[in-house]
Structure formats: C-alpha cells, structure tokens
C-alpha cells in the first residue's frame, strides 16, 4: 500500500499541535449534482480557514489515501459524480488496491482520521439506522466508526431520510455522547424541529472542546457527536417519507439508498433542500474549526 499523502500544511499543523478539520468527499461526488458538490467542498474549506484551522479534505486518488486534496483533485471527484466509488471504512483496502477514485463517507473519513491523528470532522449529516430496519436491517457503518474514533464529528444530526430516533438509541448503546449546540434536542438535518434529547447542551466552542477532552480522558478511543441545527429550517418530513418509499420500492438498497433519496428530495422540493444542505455543511465545518481551535489552544496552555 502507498503511504497516505498528507498535504504539507496539514502535516505541519498536526506536528505543531494546531487545529485540523477533516472533510469528507462523498458530498462532492454523490451529495450534489452539476458541480454543486465542488462548490460546497470549497466553501467548507474556506469556513475552516476563516475560523483559524487547517482543512484536510480526504479521499482516495490513484492508489493513495490523500489528506488535503488539491483543487484539481476535488474537481476530479465532482466530474466523476456517482462513478466515484463510495468508500466507507470497510472499502478502503479494496479501493486502494484496485486504484478506484474513492469518495470517503463519514465512516471512511474517520478511519483515515484515526490513522493520521485528526480529531475533528465537519459534515452535513451522519449515516445511521435506516427506516424500516426491522424488516430490512440497514445500519450505516458511520456509527461504528464514530464510536471507535477519538474525534468530534460536527453535523446537523442524522440524515433525516433515516430513522432518527433509532439512530439516537444506537448512539447511546455505543456510548457516543451526543451534544447539542445551544439546543437540548437533536436536530433533524433539514429541520430544527424537536428530535430526541441530546446528552448535554454546550454553548461555546471552549465548552464543547473541554467536554470532548474530558470524554477522551475517560474513553480514549471513543468519538463525540456535536449536533447543530440548520439556520434555515425546511419542514419536509412528508416528502422525505414519500421519497424513501419510492426508492425502496424501486429495489435500491445499501449505500445507494442515501444518494437516490437525496436526489429525489431535491427534485420534490424544487432545489430548496439543496440550498439548506449546502449552508448547513458550511456552517458545520466552521463550527468544527472553532471547536478544534479552542481544543488546540487549551492543550498548548502550560
């Protein structure tokens, strides 16, 4: 296996103990259409830099794991779209050996974070327990990777196309603290509507960083989920339920479900869901950077 290629600014930041925020590439290739994923990725990187941290967008390119993709490489993911392989933690080995262009999921990105020592990740929404799991067991590998990686994952909760309450129960079972950013309940991705209660509410980046650090002192190999409600809320639960039913009815399963449902939701909302999604992804990346900067500052204090 080729050794991971770490961009110089990312490597320098990791060596010096400065804040680094990982970003995934599934959203670039699978989350949007028409090049919008590239725009979302670049905006997220800008928000991370604006908060004083270094972005490390992660993917698999030419038999190599890359942490800190170039603009040209990000363009390759956007151009490939669904042709890029969707890569969770289980898929990294095959993707590397076979030389596929690999767009990492939250779980795949966390596996690389664990390898490189990156402790913060910003994303839109995590994967989880799919609706109808009792009849067709379908649970995202994201949950297991969050549970076994000492990283803070900042998201707008669980993707609302999933069973949010079942996912919250699974996170509790796995021992993952779910923090609410200035909220007592987990947001429902597109919507700030009341969801399951969170473990604790945090109000500042410093408080979130201290909670994470204390959790890692007690559980050195366990992640933290920090959930932030979207600023622009969109109440589309009936449309989401309809989209999930349509996709399931067409025989789509596994990793293909999420992009298929998101595409249908975008169509049904005439693009409104896409705009909310892009904004929350950027906001979450910015918050992840703020918490990462606070954590790095605390560690450098005598």
Protein backbone atom coordinates (compact mmCIF):
# COMPACT_ATOMS: atom_id res chain seq x y z
CA UNK A 1 0.00 0.00 0.00
CA UNK A 2 1.22 3.50 -0.79
CA UNK A 3 1.68 5.62 2.30
CA UNK A 4 -1.02 8.27 2.79
CA UNK A 5 -0.19 11.58 1.15
CA UNK A 6 -0.67 14.39 3.63
CA UNK A 7 -0.65 17.94 2.31
CA UNK A 8 2.24 19.96 3.72
CA UNK A 9 0.03 22.45 5.56
CA UNK A 10 -1.92 19.60 7.16
CA UNK A 11 1.26 17.76 8.16
CA UNK A 12 2.77 20.94 9.59
CA UNK A 13 -0.38 21.67 11.61
CA UNK A 14 -0.51 18.12 13.01
CA UNK A 15 3.17 18.23 14.00
CA UNK A 16 2.79 21.56 15.77
CA UNK A 17 -0.49 20.70 17.51
CA UNK A 18 -2.55 23.25 15.58
CA UNK A 19 -6.20 22.73 14.69
CA UNK A 20 -7.02 20.47 11.73
CA UNK A 21 -10.53 19.66 10.50
CA UNK A 22 -11.22 16.67 8.25
CA UNK A 23 -13.83 16.95 5.50
CA UNK A 24 -15.32 14.05 3.53
CA UNK A 25 -15.66 13.69 -0.23
CA UNK A 26 -18.88 11.72 -0.62
CA UNK A 27 -20.74 15.02 -0.63
CA UNK A 28 -18.60 16.17 -3.59
CA UNK A 29 -19.27 13.12 -5.76
CA UNK A 30 -22.61 11.81 -4.50
CA UNK A 31 -24.30 14.53 -2.47
CA UNK A 32 -24.94 17.12 -5.18
CA UNK A 33 -25.26 17.37 -8.94
CA UNK A 34 -23.99 19.79 -11.55
CA UNK A 35 -20.74 20.67 -9.79
CA UNK A 36 -22.50 21.91 -6.67
CA UNK A 37 -20.56 19.42 -4.57
CA UNK A 38 -17.30 21.08 -5.55
CA UNK A 39 -18.67 24.47 -4.52
CA UNK A 40 -19.83 23.01 -1.19
CA UNK A 41 -16.40 21.49 -0.54
CA UNK A 42 -14.52 24.69 -1.35
CA UNK A 43 -16.88 26.77 0.80
CA UNK A 44 -16.36 24.36 3.70
CA UNK A 45 -12.59 24.67 3.35
CA UNK A 46 -12.92 28.45 3.34
CA UNK A 47 -15.02 28.37 6.51
CA UNK A 48 -12.45 26.16 8.25
CA UNK A 49 -9.63 28.54 7.33
CA UNK A 50 -11.66 31.59 8.38
CA UNK A 51 -12.00 30.09 11.86
CA UNK A 52 -8.25 29.59 12.15
CA UNK A 53 -7.93 25.87 11.40
CA UNK A 54 -6.46 23.86 8.51
CA UNK A 55 -8.86 21.87 6.30
CA UNK A 56 -7.97 18.29 5.35
CA UNK A 57 -10.39 17.09 2.70
CA UNK A 58 -9.91 13.33 2.41
CA UNK A 59 -10.29 10.89 -0.48
CA UNK A 60 -8.58 8.05 -2.33
CA UNK A 61 -6.76 9.00 -5.54
CA UNK A 62 -4.53 6.79 -7.70
CA UNK A 63 -3.93 4.03 -5.12
CA UNK A 64 -3.27 6.60 -2.39
CA UNK A 65 -5.17 7.98 0.60
CA UNK A 66 -4.93 11.76 0.42
CA UNK A 67 -5.50 14.13 3.34
CA UNK A 68 -5.62 17.61 1.88
CA UNK A 69 -6.87 17.19 -1.66
CA UNK A 70 -5.87 19.80 -4.25
CA UNK A 71 -8.41 21.84 -6.20
CA UNK A 72 -7.70 19.72 -9.29
CA UNK A 73 -8.34 16.51 -7.33
CA UNK A 74 -11.59 17.86 -5.93
CA UNK A 75 -12.63 18.65 -9.49
CA UNK A 76 -12.00 15.00 -10.40
CA UNK A 77 -14.48 13.91 -7.74
CA UNK A 78 -17.08 16.42 -8.91
CA UNK A 79 -16.66 15.37 -12.55
CA UNK A 80 -16.83 11.66 -11.69
CA UNK A 81 -20.04 12.08 -9.69
CA UNK A 82 -21.68 8.73 -8.91
CA UNK A 83 -18.93 6.97 -10.89
CA UNK A 84 -16.58 7.64 -7.98
CA UNK A 85 -16.62 4.75 -5.54
CA UNK A 86 -18.41 5.46 -2.26
CA UNK A 87 -15.85 4.42 0.34
CA UNK A 88 -16.64 3.54 3.93
CA UNK A 89 -14.06 2.17 6.36
CA UNK A 90 -14.57 -1.39 5.05
CA UNK A 91 -13.95 -0.27 1.44
CA UNK A 92 -10.60 1.48 1.82
CA UNK A 93 -8.43 -1.59 1.21
CA UNK A 94 -10.16 -2.65 -1.99
CA UNK A 95 -10.27 0.91 -3.28
CA UNK A 96 -6.53 1.34 -2.75
CA UNK A 97 -5.58 -1.96 -4.37
CA UNK A 98 -7.91 -1.52 -7.34
CA UNK A 99 -6.97 2.10 -7.97
CA UNK A 100 -10.53 3.42 -7.86
CA UNK A 101 -11.34 7.07 -7.25
CA UNK A 102 -12.71 6.80 -3.72
CA UNK A 103 -15.08 9.35 -2.19
CA UNK A 104 -14.94 8.79 1.55
CA UNK A 105 -18.07 8.69 3.70
CA UNK A 106 -18.08 9.97 7.28
CA UNK A 107 -17.04 6.48 8.39
CA UNK A 108 -14.30 6.19 5.77
CA UNK A 109 -13.01 9.65 6.62
CA UNK A 110 -12.93 8.80 10.33
CA UNK A 111 -10.87 5.68 9.60
CA UNK A 112 -8.28 7.95 7.97
CA UNK A 113 -8.53 10.43 10.86
CA UNK A 114 -7.71 7.60 13.24
CA UNK A 115 -4.69 6.68 11.13
CA UNK A 116 -3.35 10.24 10.96
CA UNK A 117 -4.39 11.60 14.36
CA UNK A 118 -7.01 14.12 13.20
CA UNK A 119 -9.56 14.78 15.94
CA UNK A 120 -12.25 16.93 14.28
CA UNK A 121 -14.56 16.38 11.33
CA UNK A 122 -17.25 18.58 9.81
CA UNK A 123 -20.08 17.17 7.70
CA UNK A 124 -23.74 17.63 6.83
CA UNK A 125 -25.41 14.67 8.49
CA UNK A 126 -24.14 11.30 9.63
CA UNK A 127 -25.46 7.94 8.46
CA UNK A 128 -27.41 5.79 10.86
CA UNK A 129 -30.27 3.34 11.20
CA UNK A 130 -32.42 3.31 8.07
CA UNK A 131 -36.21 3.47 8.20
CA UNK A 132 -37.84 0.06 8.17
CA UNK A 133 -34.74 -1.55 9.69
CA UNK A 134 -36.87 -4.17 11.45
CA UNK A 135 -37.82 -5.66 8.08
CA UNK A 136 -34.57 -4.89 6.24
CA UNK A 137 -31.62 -4.47 8.58
CA UNK A 138 -29.65 -1.50 7.26
CA UNK A 139 -27.36 0.44 9.60
CA UNK A 140 -24.62 2.77 8.41
CA UNK A 141 -21.01 1.98 9.23
CA UNK A 142 -20.64 5.63 10.27
CA UNK A 143 -21.94 4.80 13.74
CA UNK A 144 -19.31 2.17 14.49
CA UNK A 145 -16.53 4.45 13.25
CA UNK A 146 -17.73 7.35 15.41
CA UNK A 147 -17.82 5.01 18.39
CA UNK A 148 -14.22 3.87 17.92
CA UNK A 149 -12.51 7.11 16.84
CA UNK A 150 -11.42 9.83 19.26
CA UNK A 151 -12.84 12.64 17.17
CA UNK A 152 -15.56 15.26 17.39
CA UNK A 153 -17.98 14.93 14.47
CA UNK A 154 -19.98 18.11 13.86
CA UNK A 155 -23.21 17.57 11.92
CA UNK A 156 -26.84 18.64 11.76
CA UNK A 157 -27.74 15.38 13.44
CA UNK A 158 -28.62 12.29 11.46
CA UNK A 159 -29.66 12.47 7.81
CA UNK A 160 -33.42 12.96 8.05
CA UNK A 161 -34.06 10.24 5.48
CA UNK A 162 -33.10 7.79 8.25
CA UNK A 163 -34.81 6.70 11.46
CA UNK A 164 -33.54 9.49 13.69
CA UNK A 165 -34.83 8.11 16.99
CA UNK A 166 -33.50 4.60 16.34
CA UNK A 167 -30.13 6.11 15.44
CA UNK A 168 -30.09 8.12 18.67
CA UNK A 169 -30.73 4.91 20.61
CA UNK A 170 -27.89 3.17 18.75
CA UNK A 171 -25.50 6.01 19.56
CA UNK A 172 -26.43 5.67 23.23
CA UNK A 173 -25.80 1.94 23.09
CA UNK A 174 -22.39 2.57 21.52
CA UNK A 175 -21.52 5.07 24.28
CA UNK A 176 -21.27 8.10 21.98
CA UNK A 177 -22.13 11.42 23.67
CA UNK A 178 -24.50 13.47 21.52
CA UNK A 179 -24.04 17.16 22.31
CA UNK A 180 -26.48 19.84 21.22
CA UNK A 181 -25.05 23.16 20.06
CA UNK A 182 -27.26 25.56 22.01
CA UNK A 183 -30.14 23.09 21.83
CA UNK A 184 -31.48 20.35 24.11
CA UNK A 185 -32.67 18.14 21.26
CA UNK A 186 -31.07 16.58 18.22
CA UNK A 187 -31.87 18.49 15.02
CA UNK A 188 -33.44 16.61 12.13
CA UNK A 189 -30.93 17.63 9.43
CA UNK A 190 -33.06 19.89 7.19
CA UNK A 191 -35.21 20.93 10.13
CA UNK A 192 -34.56 22.31 13.62
CA UNK A 193 -37.74 20.63 14.84
CA UNK A 194 -37.64 18.82 18.17
CA UNK A 195 -35.93 15.43 17.96
CA UNK A 196 -34.54 13.03 20.58
CA UNK A 197 -32.92 14.66 23.62
CA UNK A 198 -29.16 15.12 23.49
CA UNK A 199 -26.74 14.01 26.21
CA UNK A 200 -25.83 17.59 27.08
CA UNK A 201 -26.10 21.10 25.69
CA UNK A 202 -22.98 23.19 25.00
CA UNK A 203 -22.95 26.91 24.27
CA UNK A 204 -19.37 27.85 23.37
CA UNK A 205 -16.53 26.26 21.37
CA UNK A 206 -14.43 26.18 24.54
CA UNK A 207 -17.12 24.28 26.45
CA UNK A 208 -17.51 21.77 23.62
CA UNK A 209 -13.74 21.30 23.46
CA UNK A 210 -13.49 20.74 27.22
CA UNK A 211 -16.33 18.20 27.18
CA UNK A 212 -14.63 16.34 24.32
CA UNK A 213 -11.24 16.40 26.03
CA UNK A 214 -12.68 15.10 29.29
CA UNK A 215 -14.58 12.37 27.43
CA UNK A 216 -11.34 11.28 25.73
CA UNK A 217 -9.53 11.21 29.09
CA UNK A 218 -12.14 8.72 30.28
CA UNK A 219 -12.73 6.93 26.93
CA UNK A 220 -9.56 7.30 24.84
CA UNK A 221 -10.95 5.64 21.73
CA UNK A 222 -14.49 7.00 21.61
CA UNK A 223 -15.99 9.76 19.49
CA UNK A 224 -18.30 12.67 20.25
CA UNK A 225 -21.17 13.86 18.05
CA UNK A 226 -21.83 17.61 18.19
CA UNK A 227 -25.15 18.48 16.54
CA UNK A 228 -26.00 21.91 15.19
CA UNK A 229 -29.46 22.87 13.96
CA UNK A 230 -29.59 24.44 10.47
CA UNK A 231 -30.13 28.20 10.41
CA UNK A 232 -32.57 27.87 7.50
CA UNK A 233 -35.07 25.21 8.50
CA UNK A 234 -37.11 23.21 6.00
CA UNK A 235 -40.03 21.09 7.23
CA UNK A 236 -40.37 18.40 4.54
CA UNK A 237 -40.93 15.19 6.50
CA UNK A 238 -43.90 14.05 4.34
CA UNK A 239 -41.80 14.49 1.19
CA UNK A 240 -38.89 12.61 2.73
CA UNK A 241 -41.12 9.69 3.73
CA UNK A 242 -42.52 9.58 0.20
CA UNK A 243 -39.03 9.67 -1.33
CA UNK A 244 -37.78 6.87 0.94
CA UNK A 245 -40.78 4.72 0.00
CA UNK A 246 -40.26 5.34 -3.71
CA UNK A 247 -36.57 4.49 -3.59
CA UNK A 248 -37.11 1.37 -1.51
CA UNK A 249 -39.93 0.32 -3.82
CA UNK A 250 -37.58 0.57 -6.81
CA UNK A 251 -35.27 -2.03 -5.25
CA UNK A 252 -32.42 0.31 -4.30
CA UNK A 253 -30.53 -0.81 -1.17
CA UNK A 254 -27.31 -0.37 0.78
CA UNK A 255 -25.01 2.56 0.07
CA UNK A 256 -27.07 3.58 -2.96
CA UNK A 257 -30.13 4.49 -0.88
CA UNK A 258 -28.93 7.82 0.52
CA UNK A 259 -27.86 9.50 -2.76
CA UNK A 260 -31.00 8.23 -4.50
CA UNK A 261 -33.29 9.61 -1.80
CA UNK A 262 -31.42 12.94 -1.60
CA UNK A 263 -31.74 13.38 -5.36
CA UNK A 264 -35.47 12.70 -5.23
CA UNK A 265 -35.96 15.06 -2.27
CA UNK A 266 -34.12 17.78 -4.18
CA UNK A 267 -36.48 17.25 -7.10
CA UNK A 268 -39.59 17.25 -4.91
CA UNK A 269 -38.54 20.47 -3.12
CA UNK A 270 -37.50 22.17 -6.36
CA UNK A 271 -33.96 22.59 -5.10
CA UNK A 272 -34.77 24.05 -1.68
CA UNK A 273 -33.27 21.05 0.12
CA UNK A 274 -30.02 21.51 -1.79
CA UNK A 275 -29.63 25.10 -0.62
CA UNK A 276 -30.29 24.16 3.01
CA UNK A 277 -27.86 21.25 2.70
CA UNK A 278 -25.07 23.41 1.28
CA UNK A 279 -25.49 26.01 4.01
CA UNK A 280 -25.55 23.57 6.92
CA UNK A 281 -22.46 21.76 5.59
CA UNK A 282 -20.53 25.04 5.55
CA UNK A 283 -21.82 26.08 8.98
CA UNK A 284 -20.88 22.73 10.48
CA UNK A 285 -17.38 22.93 9.02
CA UNK A 286 -17.00 26.38 10.57
CA UNK A 287 -18.17 25.18 13.97
CA UNK A 288 -15.87 22.15 13.83
CA UNK A 289 -12.97 24.53 13.20
CA UNK A 290 -13.95 26.79 16.11
CA UNK A 291 -14.04 23.83 18.50
CA UNK A 292 -10.77 22.45 17.09
CA UNK A 293 -9.07 25.82 17.61
CA UNK A 294 -10.35 26.01 21.20
CA UNK A 295 -9.13 22.46 21.87
CA UNK A 296 -5.68 23.17 20.41
CA UNK A 297 -5.36 26.36 22.44
CA UNK A 298 -6.26 24.55 25.66
CA UNK A 299 -3.68 21.83 25.02
CA UNK A 300 -0.91 24.39 24.44
CA UNK A 301 -1.51 26.09 27.77
CA UNK A 302 1.14 25.33 30.44
